[in-house]
Amino acid sequence: MYNRQEIGKIGEDKACELLIKEGYSIIERNFRCKLGEVDIIAQDRNNDLVFIEVKTRRSFEYGIPCEAINRTKKIHIYRVAKFYILKNKISNRNVRFDAIEIKLGKDGFIHHIKQAF
């Protein structure tokens, strides 16, 4: 049986595999600052900077994965993204916020939601 951190790591690994197949370049994983964390920061084929939240579940007991991205979580991600952009002196780039939801198991799936919030 996996613990929460292990499930999250498995999900993030699967999300990165999907993104690479879709032509994205992974810039950073688990970017942390005092304002919070972003699971994946990537660049898409159009050179857009994409901040991605990954939600992984083993069951739907607590709802579908993306339902866990609530208002508070979105605010934290926006703030971390703003910090990342200022820290790295990024300008003249389109920025997007995506989500990837993953259900593990035999009936599992992976779903990339562009412009999720």
PDB file of N, CA and C in Angstrom:
ATOM      1  N   MET A   1       0.838  -1.185   0.000  1.00  0.00           N
ATOM      2  CA  MET A   1       0.000   0.000   0.000  1.00  0.00           C
ATOM      3  C   MET A   1       0.886   1.253   0.000  1.00  0.00           C
ATOM      4  N   TYR A   2       0.558   2.189  -0.833  1.00  0.00           N
ATOM      5  CA  TYR A   2       1.350   3.416  -0.937  1.00  0.00           C
ATOM      6  C   TYR A   2       0.816   4.485   0.007  1.00  0.00           C
ATOM      7  N   ASN A   3       1.712   5.341   0.490  1.00  0.00           N
ATOM      8  CA  ASN A   3       1.255   6.477   1.277  1.00  0.00           C
ATOM      9  C   ASN A   3       0.975   7.650   0.343  1.00  0.00           C
ATOM     10  N   ARG A   4       0.477   8.720   0.896  1.00  0.00           N
ATOM     11  CA  ARG A   4       0.071   9.889   0.099  1.00  0.00           C
ATOM     12  C   ARG A   4       1.201  10.472  -0.740  1.00  0.00           C
ATOM     13  N   GLN A   5       2.379  10.590  -0.151  1.00  0.00           N
ATOM     14  CA  GLN A   5       3.514  11.161  -0.882  1.00  0.00           C
ATOM     15  C   GLN A   5       3.919  10.271  -2.044  1.00  0.00           C
ATOM     16  N   GLU A   6       3.901   8.961  -1.832  1.00  0.00           N
ATOM     17  CA  GLU A   6       4.267   8.032  -2.903  1.00  0.00           C
ATOM     18  C   GLU A   6       3.259   8.081  -4.045  1.00  0.00           C
ATOM     19  N   ILE A   7       1.991   8.178  -3.701  1.00  0.00           N
ATOM     20  CA  ILE A   7       0.945   8.285  -4.733  1.00  0.00           C
ATOM     21  C   ILE A   7       1.135   9.576  -5.522  1.00  0.00           C
ATOM     22  N   GLY A   8       1.431  10.664  -4.819  1.00  0.00           N
ATOM     23  CA  GLY A   8       1.681  11.937  -5.492  1.00  0.00           C
ATOM     24  C   GLY A   8       2.869  11.868  -6.431  1.00  0.00           C
ATOM     25  N   LYS A   9       3.931  11.232  -5.987  1.00  0.00           N
ATOM     26  CA  LYS A   9       5.138  11.081  -6.832  1.00  0.00           C
ATOM     27  C   LYS A   9       4.837  10.247  -8.070  1.00  0.00           C
ATOM     28  N   ILE A  10       4.108   9.143  -7.898  1.00  0.00           N
ATOM     29  CA  ILE A  10       3.720   8.310  -9.048  1.00  0.00           C
ATOM     30  C   ILE A  10       2.907   9.148 -10.034  1.00  0.00           C
ATOM     31  N   GLY A  11       1.957   9.903  -9.527  1.00  0.00           N
ATOM     32  CA  GLY A  11       1.133  10.753 -10.391  1.00  0.00           C
ATOM     33  C   GLY A  11       1.946  11.799 -11.124  1.00  0.00           C
ATOM     34  N   GLU A  12       2.856  12.451 -10.430  1.00  0.00           N
ATOM     35  CA  GLU A  12       3.688  13.471 -11.075  1.00  0.00           C
ATOM     36  C   GLU A  12       4.589  12.865 -12.135  1.00  0.00           C
ATOM     37  N   ASP A  13       5.111  11.671 -11.874  1.00  0.00           N
ATOM     38  CA  ASP A  13       5.928  10.983 -12.882  1.00  0.00           C
ATOM     39  C   ASP A  13       5.097  10.692 -14.132  1.00  0.00           C
ATOM     40  N   LYS A  14       3.875  10.188 -13.945  1.00  0.00           N
ATOM     41  CA  LYS A  14       2.986   9.894 -15.081  1.00  0.00           C
ATOM     42  C   LYS A  14       2.619  11.181 -15.822  1.00  0.00           C
ATOM     43  N   ALA A  15       2.389  12.252 -15.079  1.00  0.00           N
ATOM     44  CA  ALA A  15       2.059  13.531 -15.697  1.00  0.00           C
ATOM     45  C   ALA A  15       3.212  14.040 -16.553  1.00  0.00           C
ATOM     46  N   CYS A  16       4.437  13.930 -16.054  1.00  0.00           N
ATOM     47  CA  CYS A  16       5.605  14.368 -16.829  1.00  0.00           C
ATOM     48  C   CYS A  16       5.768  13.538 -18.098  1.00  0.00           C
ATOM     49  N   GLU A  17       5.553  12.228 -17.990  1.00  0.00           N
ATOM     50  CA  GLU A  17       5.610  11.366 -19.182  1.00  0.00           C
ATOM     51  C   GLU A  17       4.601  11.829 -20.228  1.00  0.00           C
ATOM     52  N   LEU A  18       3.380  12.122 -19.794  1.00  0.00           N
ATOM     53  CA  LEU A  18       2.350  12.596 -20.716  1.00  0.00           C
ATOM     54  C   LEU A  18       2.754  13.920 -21.353  1.00  0.00           C
ATOM     55  N   LEU A  19       3.224  14.850 -20.552  1.00  0.00           N
ATOM     56  CA  LEU A  19       3.607  16.165 -21.065  1.00  0.00           C
ATOM     57  C   LEU A  19       4.728  16.058 -22.096  1.00  0.00           C
ATOM     58  N   ILE A  20       5.702  15.224 -21.832  1.00  0.00           N
ATOM     59  CA  ILE A  20       6.803  15.042 -22.786  1.00  0.00           C
ATOM     60  C   ILE A  20       6.282  14.459 -24.092  1.00  0.00           C
ATOM     61  N   LYS A  21       5.364  13.503 -24.001  1.00  0.00           N
ATOM     62  CA  LYS A  21       4.748  12.942 -25.216  1.00  0.00           C
ATOM     63  C   LYS A  21       3.979  14.010 -25.991  1.00  0.00           C
ATOM     64  N   GLU A  22       3.408  14.975 -25.276  1.00  0.00           N
ATOM     65  CA  GLU A  22       2.661  16.062 -25.911  1.00  0.00           C
ATOM     66  C   GLU A  22       3.577  17.179 -26.407  1.00  0.00           C
ATOM     67  N   GLY A  23       4.887  17.038 -26.246  1.00  0.00           N
ATOM     68  CA  GLY A  23       5.829  18.022 -26.762  1.00  0.00           C
ATOM     69  C   GLY A  23       6.226  19.113 -25.791  1.00  0.00           C
ATOM     70  N   TYR A  24       5.922  18.952 -24.531  1.00  0.00           N
ATOM     71  CA  TYR A  24       6.297  19.939 -23.522  1.00  0.00           C
ATOM     72  C   TYR A  24       7.732  19.697 -23.070  1.00  0.00           C
ATOM     73  N   SER A  25       8.354  20.763 -22.585  1.00  0.00           N
ATOM     74  CA  SER A  25       9.650  20.665 -21.916  1.00  0.00           C
ATOM     75  C   SER A  25       9.401  20.917 -20.435  1.00  0.00           C
ATOM     76  N   ILE A  26       9.879  20.032 -19.600  1.00  0.00           N
ATOM     77  CA  ILE A  26       9.722  20.203 -18.159  1.00  0.00           C
ATOM     78  C   ILE A  26      10.825  21.139 -17.680  1.00  0.00           C
ATOM     79  N   ILE A  27      10.433  22.227 -17.068  1.00  0.00           N
ATOM     80  CA  ILE A  27      11.397  23.205 -16.557  1.00  0.00           C
ATOM     81  C   ILE A  27      11.746  22.892 -15.106  1.00  0.00           C
ATOM     82  N   GLU A  28      10.715  22.666 -14.294  1.00  0.00           N
ATOM     83  CA  GLU A  28      10.939  22.359 -12.879  1.00  0.00           C
ATOM     84  C   GLU A  28       9.822  21.474 -12.371  1.00  0.00           C
ATOM     85  N   ARG A  29      10.176  20.680 -11.365  1.00  0.00           N
ATOM     86  CA  ARG A  29       9.182  19.885 -10.644  1.00  0.00           C
ATOM     87  C   ARG A  29       9.231  20.289  -9.176  1.00  0.00           C
ATOM     88  N   ASN A  30       8.060  20.347  -8.575  1.00  0.00           N
ATOM     89  CA  ASN A  30       7.938  20.654  -7.145  1.00  0.00           C
ATOM     90  C   ASN A  30       8.659  21.945  -6.765  1.00  0.00           C
ATOM     91  N   PHE A  31       8.377  23.011  -7.508  1.00  0.00           N
ATOM     92  CA  PHE A  31       8.956  24.314  -7.182  1.00  0.00           C
ATOM     93  C   PHE A  31       8.294  24.822  -5.901  1.00  0.00           C
ATOM     94  N   ARG A  32       9.124  25.089  -4.893  1.00  0.00           N
ATOM     95  CA  ARG A  32       8.623  25.541  -3.599  1.00  0.00           C
ATOM     96  C   ARG A  32       9.208  26.899  -3.243  1.00  0.00           C
ATOM     97  N   CYS A  33       8.375  27.664  -2.585  1.00  0.00           N
ATOM     98  CA  CYS A  33       8.819  28.907  -1.957  1.00  0.00           C
ATOM     99  C   CYS A  33       7.933  29.096  -0.729  1.00  0.00           C
ATOM    100  N   LYS A  34       8.131  30.169   0.004  1.00  0.00           N
ATOM    101  CA  LYS A  34       7.349  30.362   1.233  1.00  0.00           C
ATOM    102  C   LYS A  34       5.852  30.538   0.949  1.00  0.00           C
ATOM    103  N   LEU A  35       5.495  30.814  -0.290  1.00  0.00           N
ATOM    104  CA  LEU A  35       4.096  31.026  -0.655  1.00  0.00           C
ATOM    105  C   LEU A  35       3.356  29.732  -1.003  1.00  0.00           C
ATOM    106  N   GLY A  36       4.110  28.660  -1.225  1.00  0.00           N
ATOM    107  CA  GLY A  36       3.477  27.398  -1.587  1.00  0.00           C
ATOM    108  C   GLY A  36       4.324  26.605  -2.560  1.00  0.00           C
ATOM    109  N   GLU A  37       3.645  25.753  -3.330  1.00  0.00           N
ATOM    110  CA  GLU A  37       4.335  24.854  -4.257  1.00  0.00           C
ATOM    111  C   GLU A  37       3.531  24.706  -5.543  1.00  0.00           C
ATOM    112  N   VAL A  38       4.268  24.516  -6.639  1.00  0.00           N
ATOM    113  CA  VAL A  38       3.674  24.148  -7.926  1.00  0.00           C
ATOM    114  C   VAL A  38       4.283  22.813  -8.313  1.00  0.00           C
ATOM    115  N   ASP A  39       3.433  21.861  -8.700  1.00  0.00           N
ATOM    116  CA  ASP A  39       3.918  20.513  -9.007  1.00  0.00           C
ATOM    117  C   ASP A  39       4.860  20.487 -10.203  1.00  0.00           C
ATOM    118  N   ILE A  40       4.428  21.103 -11.308  1.00  0.00           N
ATOM    119  CA  ILE A  40       5.239  21.082 -12.536  1.00  0.00           C
ATOM    120  C   ILE A  40       5.190  22.453 -13.196  1.00  0.00           C
ATOM    121  N   ILE A  41       6.336  22.919 -13.634  1.00  0.00           N
ATOM    122  CA  ILE A  41       6.422  24.113 -14.480  1.00  0.00           C
ATOM    123  C   ILE A  41       7.007  23.628 -15.795  1.00  0.00           C
ATOM    124  N   ALA A  42       6.298  23.930 -16.882  1.00  0.00           N
ATOM    125  CA  ALA A  42       6.715  23.427 -18.187  1.00  0.00           C
ATOM    126  C   ALA A  42       6.557  24.506 -19.248  1.00  0.00           C
ATOM    127  N   GLN A  43       7.105  24.197 -20.405  1.00  0.00           N
ATOM    128  CA  GLN A  43       6.955  25.054 -21.580  1.00  0.00           C
ATOM    129  C   GLN A  43       6.310  24.215 -22.664  1.00  0.00           C
ATOM    130  N   ASP A  44       5.248  24.748 -23.281  1.00  0.00           N
ATOM    131  CA  ASP A  44       4.592  23.985 -24.344  1.00  0.00           C
ATOM    132  C   ASP A  44       5.211  24.323 -25.700  1.00  0.00           C
ATOM    133  N   ARG A  45       4.672  23.737 -26.742  1.00  0.00           N
ATOM    134  CA  ARG A  45       5.217  23.938 -28.090  1.00  0.00           C
ATOM    135  C   ARG A  45       5.120  25.380 -28.567  1.00  0.00           C
ATOM    136  N   ASN A  46       4.195  26.152 -27.992  1.00  0.00           N
ATOM    137  CA  ASN A  46       4.024  27.554 -28.375  1.00  0.00           C
ATOM    138  C   ASN A  46       4.867  28.501 -27.525  1.00  0.00           C
ATOM    139  N   ASN A  47       5.752  27.926 -26.703  1.00  0.00           N
ATOM    140  CA  ASN A  47       6.607  28.703 -25.816  1.00  0.00           C
ATOM    141  C   ASN A  47       5.839  29.322 -24.647  1.00  0.00           C
ATOM    142  N   ASP A  48       4.607  28.838 -24.374  1.00  0.00           N
ATOM    143  CA  ASP A  48       3.853  29.305 -23.216  1.00  0.00           C
ATOM    144  C   ASP A  48       4.459  28.696 -21.958  1.00  0.00           C
ATOM    145  N   LEU A  49       4.472  29.468 -20.897  1.00  0.00           N
ATOM    146  CA  LEU A  49       4.907  28.984 -19.600  1.00  0.00           C
ATOM    147  C   LEU A  49       3.676  28.408 -18.902  1.00  0.00           C
ATOM    148  N   VAL A  50       3.748  27.144 -18.506  1.00  0.00           N
ATOM    149  CA  VAL A  50       2.572  26.459 -17.982  1.00  0.00           C
ATOM    150  C   VAL A  50       2.850  25.972 -16.563  1.00  0.00           C
ATOM    151  N   PHE A  51       2.000  26.400 -15.638  1.00  0.00           N
ATOM    152  CA  PHE A  51       2.058  25.952 -14.250  1.00  0.00           C
ATOM    153  C   PHE A  51       0.993  24.876 -14.099  1.00  0.00           C
ATOM    154  N   ILE A  52       1.412  23.694 -13.640  1.00  0.00           N
ATOM    155  CA  ILE A  52       0.532  22.529 -13.668  1.00  0.00           C
ATOM    156  C   ILE A  52       0.367  21.936 -12.272  1.00  0.00           C
ATOM    157  N   GLU A  53      -0.879  21.766 -11.872  1.00  0.00           N
ATOM    158  CA  GLU A  53      -1.212  21.083 -10.627  1.00  0.00           C
ATOM    159  C   GLU A  53      -1.626  19.658 -10.971  1.00  0.00           C
ATOM    160  N   VAL A  54      -1.035  18.697 -10.303  1.00  0.00           N
ATOM    161  CA  VAL A  54      -1.323  17.278 -10.549  1.00  0.00           C
ATOM    162  C   VAL A  54      -2.094  16.723  -9.351  1.00  0.00           C
ATOM    163  N   LYS A  55      -3.201  16.077  -9.634  1.00  0.00           N
ATOM    164  CA  LYS A  55      -4.005  15.434  -8.592  1.00  0.00           C
ATOM    165  C   LYS A  55      -4.170  13.965  -8.939  1.00  0.00           C
ATOM    166  N   THR A  56      -3.761  13.110  -8.014  1.00  0.00           N
ATOM    167  CA  THR A  56      -3.781  11.666  -8.239  1.00  0.00           C
ATOM    168  C   THR A  56      -4.629  11.005  -7.161  1.00  0.00           C
ATOM    169  N   ARG A  57      -5.458  10.065  -7.590  1.00  0.00           N
ATOM    170  CA  ARG A  57      -6.313   9.317  -6.665  1.00  0.00           C
ATOM    171  C   ARG A  57      -6.254   7.834  -6.982  1.00  0.00           C
ATOM    172  N   ARG A  58      -6.496   7.033  -5.955  1.00  0.00           N
ATOM    173  CA  ARG A  58      -6.642   5.584  -6.142  1.00  0.00           C
ATOM    174  C   ARG A  58      -8.102   5.196  -6.293  1.00  0.00           C
ATOM    175  N   SER A  59      -8.997   6.048  -5.786  1.00  0.00           N
ATOM    176  CA  SER A  59     -10.436   5.773  -5.883  1.00  0.00           C
ATOM    177  C   SER A  59     -11.175   7.108  -5.951  1.00  0.00           C
ATOM    178  N   PHE A  60     -12.474   7.030  -6.163  1.00  0.00           N
ATOM    179  CA  PHE A  60     -13.310   8.240  -6.199  1.00  0.00           C
ATOM    180  C   PHE A  60     -14.038   8.450  -4.870  1.00  0.00           C
ATOM    181  N   GLU A  61     -13.541   7.800  -3.827  1.00  0.00           N
ATOM    182  CA  GLU A  61     -14.172   7.897  -2.509  1.00  0.00           C
ATOM    183  C   GLU A  61     -14.317   9.351  -2.057  1.00  0.00           C
ATOM    184  N   TYR A  62     -13.340  10.168  -2.384  1.00  0.00           N
ATOM    185  CA  TYR A  62     -13.366  11.583  -1.992  1.00  0.00           C
ATOM    186  C   TYR A  62     -13.595  12.506  -3.188  1.00  0.00           C
ATOM    187  N   GLY A  63     -14.169  11.981  -4.264  1.00  0.00           N
ATOM    188  CA  GLY A  63     -14.451  12.775  -5.448  1.00  0.00           C
ATOM    189  C   GLY A  63     -13.403  12.581  -6.528  1.00  0.00           C
ATOM    190  N   ILE A  64     -13.664  13.212  -7.670  1.00  0.00           N
ATOM    191  CA  ILE A  64     -12.704  13.119  -8.766  1.00  0.00           C
ATOM    192  C   ILE A  64     -11.483  13.983  -8.434  1.00  0.00           C
ATOM    193  N   PRO A  65     -10.340  13.654  -8.999  1.00  0.00           N
ATOM    194  CA  PRO A  65      -9.102  14.344  -8.610  1.00  0.00           C
ATOM    195  C   PRO A  65      -9.155  15.867  -8.688  1.00  0.00           C
ATOM    196  N   CYS A  66      -9.659  16.426  -9.771  1.00  0.00           N
ATOM    197  CA  CYS A  66      -9.608  17.887  -9.947  1.00  0.00           C
ATOM    198  C   CYS A  66     -10.519  18.644  -8.979  1.00  0.00           C
ATOM    199  N   GLU A  67     -11.455  17.955  -8.361  1.00  0.00           N
ATOM    200  CA  GLU A  67     -12.303  18.629  -7.367  1.00  0.00           C
ATOM    201  C   GLU A  67     -11.486  19.090  -6.160  1.00  0.00           C
ATOM    202  N   ALA A  68     -10.309  18.542  -5.994  1.00  0.00           N
ATOM    203  CA  ALA A  68      -9.449  18.920  -4.873  1.00  0.00           C
ATOM    204  C   ALA A  68      -8.726  20.247  -5.111  1.00  0.00           C
ATOM    205  N   ILE A  69      -8.819  20.791  -6.305  1.00  0.00           N
ATOM    206  CA  ILE A  69      -8.186  22.091  -6.583  1.00  0.00           C
ATOM    207  C   ILE A  69      -9.215  23.173  -6.260  1.00  0.00           C
ATOM    208  N   ASN A  70      -9.239  23.553  -5.006  1.00  0.00           N
ATOM    209  CA  ASN A  70     -10.222  24.528  -4.546  1.00  0.00           C
ATOM    210  C   ASN A  70      -9.699  25.960  -4.695  1.00  0.00           C
ATOM    211  N   ARG A  71     -10.503  26.898  -4.275  1.00  0.00           N
ATOM    212  CA  ARG A  71     -10.162  28.318  -4.418  1.00  0.00           C
ATOM    213  C   ARG A  71      -8.849  28.652  -3.714  1.00  0.00           C
ATOM    214  N   THR A  72      -8.677  28.149  -2.515  1.00  0.00           N
ATOM    215  CA  THR A  72      -7.456  28.417  -1.748  1.00  0.00           C
ATOM    216  C   THR A  72      -6.224  27.876  -2.471  1.00  0.00           C
ATOM    217  N   LYS A  73      -6.321  26.658  -2.996  1.00  0.00           N
ATOM    218  CA  LYS A  73      -5.203  26.052  -3.728  1.00  0.00           C
ATOM    219  C   LYS A  73      -4.861  26.890  -4.963  1.00  0.00           C
ATOM    220  N   LYS A  74      -5.873  27.343  -5.684  1.00  0.00           N
ATOM    221  CA  LYS A  74      -5.642  28.172  -6.872  1.00  0.00           C
ATOM    222  C   LYS A  74      -4.917  29.463  -6.511  1.00  0.00           C
ATOM    223  N   ILE A  75      -5.337  30.104  -5.431  1.00  0.00           N
ATOM    224  CA  ILE A  75      -4.685  31.351  -4.993  1.00  0.00           C
ATOM    225  C   ILE A  75      -3.211  31.092  -4.679  1.00  0.00           C
ATOM    226  N   HIS A  76      -2.917  29.988  -3.991  1.00  0.00           N
ATOM    227  CA  HIS A  76      -1.514  29.652  -3.696  1.00  0.00           C
ATOM    228  C   HIS A  76      -0.719  29.447  -4.983  1.00  0.00           C
ATOM    229  N   ILE A  77      -1.289  28.743  -5.933  1.00  0.00           N
ATOM    230  CA  ILE A  77      -0.589  28.488  -7.198  1.00  0.00           C
ATOM    231  C   ILE A  77      -0.344  29.797  -7.948  1.00  0.00           C
ATOM    232  N   TYR A  78      -1.338  30.686  -7.990  1.00  0.00           N
ATOM    233  CA  TYR A  78      -1.154  31.985  -8.644  1.00  0.00           C
ATOM    234  C   TYR A  78      -0.008  32.763  -7.991  1.00  0.00           C
ATOM    235  N   ARG A  79       0.022  32.762  -6.673  1.00  0.00           N
ATOM    236  CA  ARG A  79       1.061  33.512  -5.955  1.00  0.00           C
ATOM    237  C   ARG A  79       2.454  32.920  -6.198  1.00  0.00           C
ATOM    238  N   VAL A  80       2.541  31.604  -6.180  1.00  0.00           N
ATOM    239  CA  VAL A  80       3.827  30.956  -6.449  1.00  0.00           C
ATOM    240  C   VAL A  80       4.271  31.248  -7.879  1.00  0.00           C
ATOM    241  N   ALA A  81       3.328  31.205  -8.822  1.00  0.00           N
ATOM    242  CA  ALA A  81       3.653  31.500 -10.221  1.00  0.00           C
ATOM    243  C   ALA A  81       4.171  32.934 -10.361  1.00  0.00           C
ATOM    244  N   LYS A  82       3.512  33.865  -9.713  1.00  0.00           N
ATOM    245  CA  LYS A  82       3.953  35.262  -9.774  1.00  0.00           C
ATOM    246  C   LYS A  82       5.361  35.406  -9.206  1.00  0.00           C
ATOM    247  N   PHE A  83       5.622  34.750  -8.080  1.00  0.00           N
ATOM    248  CA  PHE A  83       6.954  34.771  -7.476  1.00  0.00           C
ATOM    249  C   PHE A  83       7.979  34.180  -8.438  1.00  0.00           C
ATOM    250  N   TYR A  84       7.655  33.033  -9.039  1.00  0.00           N
ATOM    251  CA  TYR A  84       8.576  32.359  -9.963  1.00  0.00           C
ATOM    252  C   TYR A  84       8.908  33.272 -11.149  1.00  0.00           C
ATOM    253  N   ILE A  85       7.901  33.917 -11.703  1.00  0.00           N
ATOM    254  CA  ILE A  85       8.094  34.810 -12.848  1.00  0.00           C
ATOM    255  C   ILE A  85       8.983  36.000 -12.466  1.00  0.00           C
ATOM    256  N   LEU A  86       8.724  36.599 -11.310  1.00  0.00           N
ATOM    257  CA  LEU A  86       9.547  37.731 -10.870  1.00  0.00           C
ATOM    258  C   LEU A  86      10.972  37.295 -10.546  1.00  0.00           C
ATOM    259  N   LYS A  87      11.116  36.186  -9.839  1.00  0.00           N
ATOM    260  CA  LYS A  87      12.438  35.677  -9.456  1.00  0.00           C
ATOM    261  C   LYS A  87      13.302  35.380 -10.678  1.00  0.00           C
ATOM    262  N   ASN A  88      12.689  34.841 -11.726  1.00  0.00           N
ATOM    263  CA  ASN A  88      13.429  34.455 -12.925  1.00  0.00           C
ATOM    264  C   ASN A  88      13.406  35.519 -14.022  1.00  0.00           C
ATOM    265  N   LYS A  89      12.867  36.703 -13.690  1.00  0.00           N
ATOM    266  CA  LYS A  89      12.832  37.841 -14.616  1.00  0.00           C
ATOM    267  C   LYS A  89      12.257  37.452 -15.971  1.00  0.00           C
ATOM    268  N   ILE A  90      11.125  36.755 -15.932  1.00  0.00           N
ATOM    269  CA  ILE A  90      10.458  36.307 -17.159  1.00  0.00           C
ATOM    270  C   ILE A  90       9.497  37.392 -17.610  1.00  0.00           C
ATOM    271  N   SER A  91       9.575  37.726 -18.888  1.00  0.00           N
ATOM    272  CA  SER A  91       8.651  38.716 -19.441  1.00  0.00           C
ATOM    273  C   SER A  91       8.273  38.310 -20.863  1.00  0.00           C
ATOM    274  N   ASN A  92       7.216  38.905 -21.347  1.00  0.00           N
ATOM    275  CA  ASN A  92       6.742  38.669 -22.710  1.00  0.00           C
ATOM    276  C   ASN A  92       6.472  37.196 -22.995  1.00  0.00           C
ATOM    277  N   ARG A  93       5.900  36.495 -22.038  1.00  0.00           N
ATOM    278  CA  ARG A  93       5.537  35.088 -22.210  1.00  0.00           C
ATOM    279  C   ARG A  93       4.081  34.911 -21.816  1.00  0.00           C
ATOM    280  N   ASN A  94       3.379  34.145 -22.599  1.00  0.00           N
ATOM    281  CA  ASN A  94       2.036  33.761 -22.187  1.00  0.00           C
ATOM    282  C   ASN A  94       2.157  32.775 -21.041  1.00  0.00           C
ATOM    283  N   VAL A  95       1.274  32.905 -20.082  1.00  0.00           N
ATOM    284  CA  VAL A  95       1.264  32.026 -18.918  1.00  0.00           C
ATOM    285  C   VAL A  95      -0.097  31.337 -18.859  1.00  0.00           C
ATOM    286  N   ARG A  96      -0.055  30.056 -18.506  1.00  0.00           N
ATOM    287  CA  ARG A  96      -1.289  29.270 -18.436  1.00  0.00           C
ATOM    288  C   ARG A  96      -1.251  28.392 -17.192  1.00  0.00           C
ATOM    289  N   PHE A  97      -2.428  28.085 -16.674  1.00  0.00           N
ATOM    290  CA  PHE A  97      -2.557  27.215 -15.511  1.00  0.00           C
ATOM    291  C   PHE A  97      -3.367  25.992 -15.917  1.00  0.00           C
ATOM    292  N   ASP A  98      -2.706  24.839 -15.881  1.00  0.00           N
ATOM    293  CA  ASP A  98      -3.330  23.573 -16.263  1.00  0.00           C
ATOM    294  C   ASP A  98      -3.463  22.669 -15.043  1.00  0.00           C
ATOM    295  N   ALA A  99      -4.219  21.605 -15.236  1.00  0.00           N
ATOM    296  CA  ALA A  99      -4.325  20.558 -14.220  1.00  0.00           C
ATOM    297  C   ALA A  99      -4.227  19.213 -14.931  1.00  0.00           C
ATOM    298  N   ILE A 100      -3.658  18.273 -14.251  1.00  0.00           N
ATOM    299  CA  ILE A 100      -3.648  16.903 -14.754  1.00  0.00           C
ATOM    300  C   ILE A 100      -4.225  16.040 -13.648  1.00  0.00           C
ATOM    301  N   GLU A 101      -5.303  15.335 -13.989  1.00  0.00           N
ATOM    302  CA  GLU A 101      -5.900  14.446 -13.003  1.00  0.00           C
ATOM    303  C   GLU A 101      -5.636  13.008 -13.407  1.00  0.00           C
ATOM    304  N   ILE A 102      -5.319  12.213 -12.398  1.00  0.00           N
ATOM    305  CA  ILE A 102      -4.917  10.831 -12.630  1.00  0.00           C
ATOM    306  C   ILE A 102      -5.676   9.928 -11.676  1.00  0.00           C
ATOM    307  N   LYS A 103      -6.218   8.868 -12.221  1.00  0.00           N
ATOM    308  CA  LYS A 103      -6.835   7.804 -11.424  1.00  0.00           C
ATOM    309  C   LYS A 103      -5.977   6.574 -11.633  1.00  0.00           C
ATOM    310  N   LEU A 104      -5.445   6.037 -10.545  1.00  0.00           N
ATOM    311  CA  LEU A 104      -4.596   4.846 -10.616  1.00  0.00           C
ATOM    312  C   LEU A 104      -5.455   3.586 -10.577  1.00  0.00           C
ATOM    313  N   GLY A 105      -4.893   2.489 -11.034  1.00  0.00           N
ATOM    314  CA  GLY A 105      -5.585   1.203 -10.969  1.00  0.00           C
ATOM    315  C   GLY A 105      -6.011   0.706 -12.331  1.00  0.00           C
ATOM    316  N   LYS A 106      -6.693  -0.445 -12.323  1.00  0.00           N
ATOM    317  CA  LYS A 106      -7.080  -1.077 -13.591  1.00  0.00           C
ATOM    318  C   LYS A 106      -8.072  -0.234 -14.390  1.00  0.00           C
ATOM    319  N   ASP A 107      -8.878   0.575 -13.713  1.00  0.00           N
ATOM    320  CA  ASP A 107      -9.813   1.456 -14.408  1.00  0.00           C
ATOM    321  C   ASP A 107      -9.273   2.889 -14.449  1.00  0.00           C
ATOM    322  N   GLY A 108      -7.952   3.009 -14.387  1.00  0.00           N
ATOM    323  CA  GLY A 108      -7.308   4.308 -14.298  1.00  0.00           C
ATOM    324  C   GLY A 108      -7.338   5.119 -15.579  1.00  0.00           C
ATOM    325  N   PHE A 109      -7.022   6.383 -15.420  1.00  0.00           N
ATOM    326  CA  PHE A 109      -6.960   7.299 -16.553  1.00  0.00           C
ATOM    327  C   PHE A 109      -6.036   8.452 -16.206  1.00  0.00           C
ATOM    328  N   ILE A 110      -5.677   9.200 -17.232  1.00  0.00           N
ATOM    329  CA  ILE A 110      -4.925  10.448 -17.065  1.00  0.00           C
ATOM    330  C   ILE A 110      -5.564  11.469 -17.975  1.00  0.00           C
ATOM    331  N   HIS A 111      -5.843  12.647 -17.441  1.00  0.00           N
ATOM    332  CA  HIS A 111      -6.571  13.676 -18.196  1.00  0.00           C
ATOM    333  C   HIS A 111      -5.875  15.025 -18.006  1.00  0.00           C
ATOM    334  N   HIS A 112      -5.422  15.602 -19.094  1.00  0.00           N
ATOM    335  CA  HIS A 112      -4.760  16.909 -19.083  1.00  0.00           C
ATOM    336  C   HIS A 112      -5.805  17.975 -19.377  1.00  0.00           C
ATOM    337  N   ILE A 113      -6.020  18.876 -18.425  1.00  0.00           N
ATOM    338  CA  ILE A 113      -7.005  19.946 -18.590  1.00  0.00           C
ATOM    339  C   ILE A 113      -6.239  21.249 -18.784  1.00  0.00           C
ATOM    340  N   LYS A 114      -6.267  21.750 -20.007  1.00  0.00           N
ATOM    341  CA  LYS A 114      -5.588  23.007 -20.302  1.00  0.00           C
ATOM    342  C   LYS A 114      -6.464  24.174 -19.839  1.00  0.00           C
ATOM    343  N   GLN A 115      -5.814  25.226 -19.376  1.00  0.00           N
ATOM    344  CA  GLN A 115      -6.490  26.405 -18.859  1.00  0.00           C
ATOM    345  C   GLN A 115      -7.541  26.000 -17.830  1.00  0.00           C
ATOM    346  N   ALA A 116      -7.129  25.176 -16.890  1.00  0.00           N
ATOM    347  CA  ALA A 116      -8.044  24.649 -15.874  1.00  0.00           C
ATOM    348  C   ALA A 116      -8.548  25.742 -14.933  1.00  0.00           C
ATOM    349  N   PHE A 117      -7.719  26.750 -14.720  1.00  0.00           N
ATOM    350  CA  PHE A 117      -8.141  27.870 -13.842  1.00  0.00           C
ATOM    351  C   PHE A 117      -7.324  29.098 -14.163  1.00  0.00           C
TER     352      PHE A 117
END
